[in-house]
Amino acid sequence: MNIGKILNLIADNNINPEDVFSLVEEIKSTNLKDEQNLRNIIRRVAKLANRPIDKSKEDSLVKKILNEGIDEDIFGMI
């Protein structure tokens, strides 16, 4: 995964890096194959980025992550 894209996303959306680190620590111990856990993380990321996420976009992200994992294409969906 391209760390530059992640850093640009953080900078472009004025996200507090400490909040990102906190989320990363939480994700480390979370079962990402569990759909509800994944939905909670997606909602939390949307909130951190101050971007609304509708049900259809959330569903698309969940489906993509569960079927294909997380790759650079995910940034185009955010």
PDB file of N, CA and C in Angstrom:
ATOM      1  N   MET A   1       0.853  -1.182   0.000  1.00  0.00           N
ATOM      2  CA  MET A   1       0.000   0.000   0.000  1.00  0.00           C
ATOM      3  C   MET A   1       0.889   1.232   0.000  1.00  0.00           C
ATOM      4  N   ASN A   2       0.459   2.233  -0.686  1.00  0.00           N
ATOM      5  CA  ASN A   2       1.238   3.454  -0.846  1.00  0.00           C
ATOM      6  C   ASN A   2       1.055   4.355   0.375  1.00  0.00           C
ATOM      7  N   ILE A   3       2.091   4.462   1.191  1.00  0.00           N
ATOM      8  CA  ILE A   3       2.027   5.272   2.412  1.00  0.00           C
ATOM      9  C   ILE A   3       1.828   6.742   2.074  1.00  0.00           C
ATOM     10  N   GLY A   4       2.312   7.172   0.909  1.00  0.00           N
ATOM     11  CA  GLY A   4       2.128   8.559   0.493  1.00  0.00           C
ATOM     12  C   GLY A   4       0.661   8.910   0.336  1.00  0.00           C
ATOM     13  N   LYS A   5      -0.132   7.992  -0.216  1.00  0.00           N
ATOM     14  CA  LYS A   5      -1.565   8.245  -0.367  1.00  0.00           C
ATOM     15  C   LYS A   5      -2.236   8.381   0.998  1.00  0.00           C
ATOM     16  N   ILE A   6      -1.804   7.564   1.936  1.00  0.00           N
ATOM     17  CA  ILE A   6      -2.373   7.634   3.283  1.00  0.00           C
ATOM     18  C   ILE A   6      -2.024   8.975   3.924  1.00  0.00           C
ATOM     19  N   LEU A   7      -0.766   9.374   3.810  1.00  0.00           N
ATOM     20  CA  LEU A   7      -0.350  10.648   4.391  1.00  0.00           C
ATOM     21  C   LEU A   7      -1.053  11.827   3.722  1.00  0.00           C
ATOM     22  N   ASN A   8      -1.225  11.764   2.403  1.00  0.00           N
ATOM     23  CA  ASN A   8      -1.954  12.823   1.701  1.00  0.00           C
ATOM     24  C   ASN A   8      -3.403  12.889   2.154  1.00  0.00           C
ATOM     25  N   LEU A   9      -4.023  11.739   2.346  1.00  0.00           N
ATOM     26  CA  LEU A   9      -5.406  11.697   2.819  1.00  0.00           C
ATOM     27  C   LEU A   9      -5.517  12.353   4.194  1.00  0.00           C
ATOM     28  N   ILE A  10      -4.559  12.062   5.065  1.00  0.00           N
ATOM     29  CA  ILE A  10      -4.544  12.658   6.406  1.00  0.00           C
ATOM     30  C   ILE A  10      -4.369  14.172   6.314  1.00  0.00           C
ATOM     31  N   ALA A  11      -3.404  14.605   5.522  1.00  0.00           N
ATOM     32  CA  ALA A  11      -3.118  16.037   5.401  1.00  0.00           C
ATOM     33  C   ALA A  11      -4.255  16.786   4.711  1.00  0.00           C
ATOM     34  N   ASP A  12      -4.772  16.223   3.632  1.00  0.00           N
ATOM     35  CA  ASP A  12      -5.826  16.899   2.860  1.00  0.00           C
ATOM     36  C   ASP A  12      -7.124  17.056   3.642  1.00  0.00           C
ATOM     37  N   ASN A  13      -7.334  16.195   4.616  1.00  0.00           N
ATOM     38  CA  ASN A  13      -8.584  16.226   5.372  1.00  0.00           C
ATOM     39  C   ASN A  13      -8.399  16.745   6.791  1.00  0.00           C
ATOM     40  N   ASN A  14      -7.210  17.283   7.067  1.00  0.00           N
ATOM     41  CA  ASN A  14      -6.936  17.868   8.374  1.00  0.00           C
ATOM     42  C   ASN A  14      -7.286  16.897   9.518  1.00  0.00           C
ATOM     43  N   ILE A  15      -6.804  15.674   9.387  1.00  0.00           N
ATOM     44  CA  ILE A  15      -7.073  14.634  10.378  1.00  0.00           C
ATOM     45  C   ILE A  15      -5.970  14.658  11.428  1.00  0.00           C
ATOM     46  N   ASN A  16      -6.362  14.554  12.687  1.00  0.00           N
ATOM     47  CA  ASN A  16      -5.411  14.519  13.788  1.00  0.00           C
ATOM     48  C   ASN A  16      -4.638  13.193  13.736  1.00  0.00           C
ATOM     49  N   PRO A  17      -3.319  13.235  13.553  1.00  0.00           N
ATOM     50  CA  PRO A  17      -2.528  12.010  13.481  1.00  0.00           C
ATOM     51  C   PRO A  17      -2.685  11.116  14.712  1.00  0.00           C
ATOM     52  N   GLU A  18      -2.867  11.717  15.880  1.00  0.00           N
ATOM     53  CA  GLU A  18      -3.056  10.904  17.099  1.00  0.00           C
ATOM     54  C   GLU A  18      -4.321  10.051  16.999  1.00  0.00           C
ATOM     55  N   ASP A  19      -5.356  10.600  16.382  1.00  0.00           N
ATOM     56  CA  ASP A  19      -6.590   9.825  16.183  1.00  0.00           C
ATOM     57  C   ASP A  19      -6.351   8.656  15.235  1.00  0.00           C
ATOM     58  N   VAL A  20      -5.519   8.886  14.232  1.00  0.00           N
ATOM     59  CA  VAL A  20      -5.188   7.821  13.287  1.00  0.00           C
ATOM     60  C   VAL A  20      -4.416   6.713  14.000  1.00  0.00           C
ATOM     61  N   PHE A  21      -3.411   7.096  14.790  1.00  0.00           N
ATOM     62  CA  PHE A  21      -2.631   6.095  15.519  1.00  0.00           C
ATOM     63  C   PHE A  21      -3.497   5.300  16.484  1.00  0.00           C
ATOM     64  N   SER A  22      -4.438   5.968  17.126  1.00  0.00           N
ATOM     65  CA  SER A  22      -5.366   5.299  18.032  1.00  0.00           C
ATOM     66  C   SER A  22      -6.219   4.280  17.266  1.00  0.00           C
ATOM     67  N   LEU A  23      -6.700   4.681  16.108  1.00  0.00           N
ATOM     68  CA  LEU A  23      -7.509   3.778  15.285  1.00  0.00           C
ATOM     69  C   LEU A  23      -6.678   2.584  14.817  1.00  0.00           C
ATOM     70  N   VAL A  24      -5.450   2.828  14.421  1.00  0.00           N
ATOM     71  CA  VAL A  24      -4.572   1.742  13.969  1.00  0.00           C
ATOM     72  C   VAL A  24      -4.362   0.733  15.095  1.00  0.00           C
ATOM     73  N   GLU A  25      -4.137   1.208  16.300  1.00  0.00           N
ATOM     74  CA  GLU A  25      -3.965   0.304  17.445  1.00  0.00           C
ATOM     75  C   GLU A  25      -5.217  -0.538  17.674  1.00  0.00           C
ATOM     76  N   GLU A  26      -6.374   0.083  17.537  1.00  0.00           N
ATOM     77  CA  GLU A  26      -7.633  -0.644  17.703  1.00  0.00           C
ATOM     78  C   GLU A  26      -7.797  -1.693  16.595  1.00  0.00           C
ATOM     79  N   ILE A  27      -7.443  -1.342  15.384  1.00  0.00           N
ATOM     80  CA  ILE A  27      -7.600  -2.252  14.247  1.00  0.00           C
ATOM     81  C   ILE A  27      -6.711  -3.476  14.396  1.00  0.00           C
ATOM     82  N   LYS A  28      -5.547  -3.295  14.985  1.00  0.00           N
ATOM     83  CA  LYS A  28      -4.610  -4.414  15.163  1.00  0.00           C
ATOM     84  C   LYS A  28      -5.246  -5.592  15.882  1.00  0.00           C
ATOM     85  N   SER A  29      -6.148  -5.303  16.803  1.00  0.00           N
ATOM     86  CA  SER A  29      -6.757  -6.381  17.588  1.00  0.00           C
ATOM     87  C   SER A  29      -8.201  -6.676  17.167  1.00  0.00           C
ATOM     88  N   THR A  30      -8.589  -6.204  15.983  1.00  0.00           N
ATOM     89  CA  THR A  30      -9.958  -6.378  15.520  1.00  0.00           C
ATOM     90  C   THR A  30     -10.006  -7.415  14.411  1.00  0.00           C
ATOM     91  N   ASN A  31     -11.014  -8.253  14.450  1.00  0.00           N
ATOM     92  CA  ASN A  31     -11.241  -9.239  13.405  1.00  0.00           C
ATOM     93  C   ASN A  31     -11.854  -8.532  12.195  1.00  0.00           C
ATOM     94  N   LEU A  32     -11.053  -8.316  11.164  1.00  0.00           N
ATOM     95  CA  LEU A  32     -11.519  -7.584   9.994  1.00  0.00           C
ATOM     96  C   LEU A  32     -12.314  -8.454   9.026  1.00  0.00           C
ATOM     97  N   LYS A  33     -12.470  -9.719   9.345  1.00  0.00           N
ATOM     98  CA  LYS A  33     -13.324 -10.580   8.535  1.00  0.00           C
ATOM     99  C   LYS A  33     -14.761 -10.564   9.049  1.00  0.00           C
ATOM    100  N   ASP A  34     -14.963  -9.916  10.197  1.00  0.00           N
ATOM    101  CA  ASP A  34     -16.296  -9.753  10.763  1.00  0.00           C
ATOM    102  C   ASP A  34     -16.922  -8.486  10.171  1.00  0.00           C
ATOM    103  N   GLU A  35     -18.045  -8.649   9.492  1.00  0.00           N
ATOM    104  CA  GLU A  35     -18.660  -7.527   8.777  1.00  0.00           C
ATOM    105  C   GLU A  35     -19.004  -6.363   9.699  1.00  0.00           C
ATOM    106  N   GLN A  36     -19.518  -6.632  10.879  1.00  0.00           N
ATOM    107  CA  GLN A  36     -19.892  -5.543  11.785  1.00  0.00           C
ATOM    108  C   GLN A  36     -18.670  -4.763  12.261  1.00  0.00           C
ATOM    109  N   ASN A  37     -17.583  -5.467  12.567  1.00  0.00           N
ATOM    110  CA  ASN A  37     -16.346  -4.780  12.943  1.00  0.00           C
ATOM    111  C   ASN A  37     -15.862  -3.890  11.804  1.00  0.00           C
ATOM    112  N   LEU A  38     -15.919  -4.412  10.601  1.00  0.00           N
ATOM    113  CA  LEU A  38     -15.488  -3.656   9.435  1.00  0.00           C
ATOM    114  C   LEU A  38     -16.344  -2.416   9.223  1.00  0.00           C
ATOM    115  N   ARG A  39     -17.652  -2.551   9.387  1.00  0.00           N
ATOM    116  CA  ARG A  39     -18.557  -1.403   9.251  1.00  0.00           C
ATOM    117  C   ARG A  39     -18.245  -0.337  10.313  1.00  0.00           C
ATOM    118  N   ASN A  40     -17.971  -0.781  11.534  1.00  0.00           N
ATOM    119  CA  ASN A  40     -17.636   0.171  12.595  1.00  0.00           C
ATOM    120  C   ASN A  40     -16.360   0.947  12.264  1.00  0.00           C
ATOM    121  N   ILE A  41     -15.370   0.261  11.721  1.00  0.00           N
ATOM    122  CA  ILE A  41     -14.119   0.923  11.362  1.00  0.00           C
ATOM    123  C   ILE A  41     -14.347   1.896  10.208  1.00  0.00           C
ATOM    124  N   ILE A  42     -15.110   1.485   9.205  1.00  0.00           N
ATOM    125  CA  ILE A  42     -15.398   2.372   8.070  1.00  0.00           C
ATOM    126  C   ILE A  42     -16.101   3.633   8.552  1.00  0.00           C
ATOM    127  N   ARG A  43     -17.067   3.483   9.438  1.00  0.00           N
ATOM    128  CA  ARG A  43     -17.776   4.649   9.976  1.00  0.00           C
ATOM    129  C   ARG A  43     -16.831   5.553  10.760  1.00  0.00           C
ATOM    130  N   ARG A  44     -15.935   4.939  11.510  1.00  0.00           N
ATOM    131  CA  ARG A  44     -14.993   5.725  12.310  1.00  0.00           C
ATOM    132  C   ARG A  44     -14.016   6.484  11.407  1.00  0.00           C
ATOM    133  N   VAL A  45     -13.555   5.847  10.353  1.00  0.00           N
ATOM    134  CA  VAL A  45     -12.656   6.515   9.412  1.00  0.00           C
ATOM    135  C   VAL A  45     -13.388   7.672   8.738  1.00  0.00           C
ATOM    136  N   ALA A  46     -14.628   7.456   8.335  1.00  0.00           N
ATOM    137  CA  ALA A  46     -15.416   8.525   7.705  1.00  0.00           C
ATOM    138  C   ALA A  46     -15.575   9.705   8.658  1.00  0.00           C
ATOM    139  N   LYS A  47     -15.800   9.401   9.914  1.00  0.00           N
ATOM    140  CA  LYS A  47     -15.959  10.461  10.912  1.00  0.00           C
ATOM    141  C   LYS A  47     -14.639  11.224  11.095  1.00  0.00           C
ATOM    142  N   LEU A  48     -13.519  10.493  11.166  1.00  0.00           N
ATOM    143  CA  LEU A  48     -12.210  11.140  11.303  1.00  0.00           C
ATOM    144  C   LEU A  48     -11.929  12.060  10.115  1.00  0.00           C
ATOM    145  N   ALA A  49     -12.313  11.615   8.924  1.00  0.00           N
ATOM    146  CA  ALA A  49     -12.066  12.393   7.710  1.00  0.00           C
ATOM    147  C   ALA A  49     -13.138  13.447   7.486  1.00  0.00           C
ATOM    148  N   ASN A  50     -14.125  13.471   8.371  1.00  0.00           N
ATOM    149  CA  ASN A  50     -15.237  14.411   8.259  1.00  0.00           C
ATOM    150  C   ASN A  50     -15.916  14.304   6.890  1.00  0.00           C
ATOM    151  N   ARG A  51     -16.114  13.059   6.484  1.00  0.00           N
ATOM    152  CA  ARG A  51     -16.783  12.773   5.217  1.00  0.00           C
ATOM    153  C   ARG A  51     -17.986  11.880   5.486  1.00  0.00           C
ATOM    154  N   PRO A  52     -19.133  12.318   5.039  1.00  0.00           N
ATOM    155  CA  PRO A  52     -20.313  11.473   5.236  1.00  0.00           C
ATOM    156  C   PRO A  52     -20.209  10.206   4.388  1.00  0.00           C
ATOM    157  N   ILE A  53     -20.779   9.129   4.888  1.00  0.00           N
ATOM    158  CA  ILE A  53     -20.785   7.887   4.131  1.00  0.00           C
ATOM    159  C   ILE A  53     -22.210   7.347   4.133  1.00  0.00           C
ATOM    160  N   ASP A  54     -22.743   7.156   2.942  1.00  0.00           N
ATOM    161  CA  ASP A  54     -24.102   6.633   2.868  1.00  0.00           C
ATOM    162  C   ASP A  54     -24.062   5.102   2.878  1.00  0.00           C
ATOM    163  N   LYS A  55     -25.208   4.511   3.029  1.00  0.00           N
ATOM    164  CA  LYS A  55     -25.328   3.061   3.173  1.00  0.00           C
ATOM    165  C   LYS A  55     -24.767   2.325   1.953  1.00  0.00           C
ATOM    166  N   SER A  56     -25.040   2.832   0.759  1.00  0.00           N
ATOM    167  CA  SER A  56     -24.572   2.126  -0.437  1.00  0.00           C
ATOM    168  C   SER A  56     -23.045   2.162  -0.555  1.00  0.00           C
ATOM    169  N   LYS A  57     -22.432   3.283  -0.209  1.00  0.00           N
ATOM    170  CA  LYS A  57     -20.972   3.369  -0.251  1.00  0.00           C
ATOM    171  C   LYS A  57     -20.364   2.463   0.820  1.00  0.00           C
ATOM    172  N   GLU A  58     -20.974   2.473   2.003  1.00  0.00           N
ATOM    173  CA  GLU A  58     -20.489   1.587   3.068  1.00  0.00           C
ATOM    174  C   GLU A  58     -20.585   0.132   2.628  1.00  0.00           C
ATOM    175  N   ASP A  59     -21.722  -0.234   2.034  1.00  0.00           N
ATOM    176  CA  ASP A  59     -21.901  -1.609   1.550  1.00  0.00           C
ATOM    177  C   ASP A  59     -20.839  -1.972   0.514  1.00  0.00           C
ATOM    178  N   SER A  60     -20.553  -1.050  -0.404  1.00  0.00           N
ATOM    179  CA  SER A  60     -19.543  -1.289  -1.440  1.00  0.00           C
ATOM    180  C   SER A  60     -18.165  -1.494  -0.835  1.00  0.00           C
ATOM    181  N   LEU A  61     -17.825  -0.647   0.135  1.00  0.00           N
ATOM    182  CA  LEU A  61     -16.524  -0.777   0.799  1.00  0.00           C
ATOM    183  C   LEU A  61     -16.402  -2.100   1.540  1.00  0.00           C
ATOM    184  N   VAL A  62     -17.457  -2.473   2.264  1.00  0.00           N
ATOM    185  CA  VAL A  62     -17.439  -3.733   3.011  1.00  0.00           C
ATOM    186  C   VAL A  62     -17.263  -4.903   2.052  1.00  0.00           C
ATOM    187  N   LYS A  63     -18.041  -4.906   0.982  1.00  0.00           N
ATOM    188  CA  LYS A  63     -17.965  -6.001   0.013  1.00  0.00           C
ATOM    189  C   LYS A  63     -16.569  -6.091  -0.599  1.00  0.00           C
ATOM    190  N   LYS A  64     -16.021  -4.942  -1.006  1.00  0.00           N
ATOM    191  CA  LYS A  64     -14.696  -4.927  -1.617  1.00  0.00           C
ATOM    192  C   LYS A  64     -13.625  -5.420  -0.650  1.00  0.00           C
ATOM    193  N   ILE A  65     -13.666  -4.933   0.572  1.00  0.00           N
ATOM    194  CA  ILE A  65     -12.646  -5.324   1.552  1.00  0.00           C
ATOM    195  C   ILE A  65     -12.767  -6.805   1.899  1.00  0.00           C
ATOM    196  N   LEU A  66     -13.989  -7.291   2.085  1.00  0.00           N
ATOM    197  CA  LEU A  66     -14.164  -8.703   2.429  1.00  0.00           C
ATOM    198  C   LEU A  66     -13.746  -9.618   1.282  1.00  0.00           C
ATOM    199  N   ASN A  67     -14.010  -9.207   0.046  1.00  0.00           N
ATOM    200  CA  ASN A  67     -13.707 -10.058  -1.106  1.00  0.00           C
ATOM    201  C   ASN A  67     -12.289  -9.905  -1.631  1.00  0.00           C
ATOM    202  N   GLU A  68     -11.758  -8.679  -1.576  1.00  0.00           N
ATOM    203  CA  GLU A  68     -10.470  -8.417  -2.222  1.00  0.00           C
ATOM    204  C   GLU A  68      -9.386  -7.929  -1.270  1.00  0.00           C
ATOM    205  N   GLY A  69      -9.750  -7.603  -0.044  1.00  0.00           N
ATOM    206  CA  GLY A  69      -8.777  -7.045   0.876  1.00  0.00           C
ATOM    207  C   GLY A  69      -8.655  -5.541   0.645  1.00  0.00           C
ATOM    208  N   ILE A  70      -7.686  -4.950   1.271  1.00  0.00           N
ATOM    209  CA  ILE A  70      -7.455  -3.509   1.140  1.00  0.00           C
ATOM    210  C   ILE A  70      -6.287  -3.294   0.195  1.00  0.00           C
ATOM    211  N   ASP A  71      -6.540  -2.520  -0.855  1.00  0.00           N
ATOM    212  CA  ASP A  71      -5.487  -2.170  -1.787  1.00  0.00           C
ATOM    213  C   ASP A  71      -5.598  -0.688  -2.130  1.00  0.00           C
ATOM    214  N   GLU A  72      -4.761  -0.218  -3.014  1.00  0.00           N
ATOM    215  CA  GLU A  72      -4.749   1.209  -3.341  1.00  0.00           C
ATOM    216  C   GLU A  72      -6.043   1.684  -3.985  1.00  0.00           C
ATOM    217  N   ASP A  73      -6.790   0.789  -4.609  1.00  0.00           N
ATOM    218  CA  ASP A  73      -8.064   1.171  -5.239  1.00  0.00           C
ATOM    219  C   ASP A  73      -9.075   1.684  -4.219  1.00  0.00           C
ATOM    220  N   ILE A  74      -8.894   1.310  -2.976  1.00  0.00           N
ATOM    221  CA  ILE A  74      -9.847   1.697  -1.928  1.00  0.00           C
ATOM    222  C   ILE A  74      -9.887   3.219  -1.766  1.00  0.00           C
ATOM    223  N   PHE A  75      -8.764   3.892  -2.064  1.00  0.00           N
ATOM    224  CA  PHE A  75      -8.712   5.342  -1.910  1.00  0.00           C
ATOM    225  C   PHE A  75      -9.617   6.050  -2.907  1.00  0.00           C
ATOM    226  N   GLY A  76      -9.847   5.440  -4.047  1.00  0.00           N
ATOM    227  CA  GLY A  76     -10.758   6.009  -5.026  1.00  0.00           C
ATOM    228  C   GLY A  76     -12.198   5.943  -4.589  1.00  0.00           C
ATOM    229  N   MET A  77     -12.491   5.078  -3.631  1.00  0.00           N
ATOM    230  CA  MET A  77     -13.866   4.919  -3.152  1.00  0.00           C
ATOM    231  C   MET A  77     -14.176   5.842  -1.977  1.00  0.00           C
ATOM    232  N   ILE A  78     -13.135   6.417  -1.389  1.00  0.00           N
ATOM    233  CA  ILE A  78     -13.331   7.243  -0.197  1.00  0.00           C
ATOM    234  C   ILE A  78     -13.809   8.621  -0.590  1.00  0.00           C
TER     235      ILE A  78
END
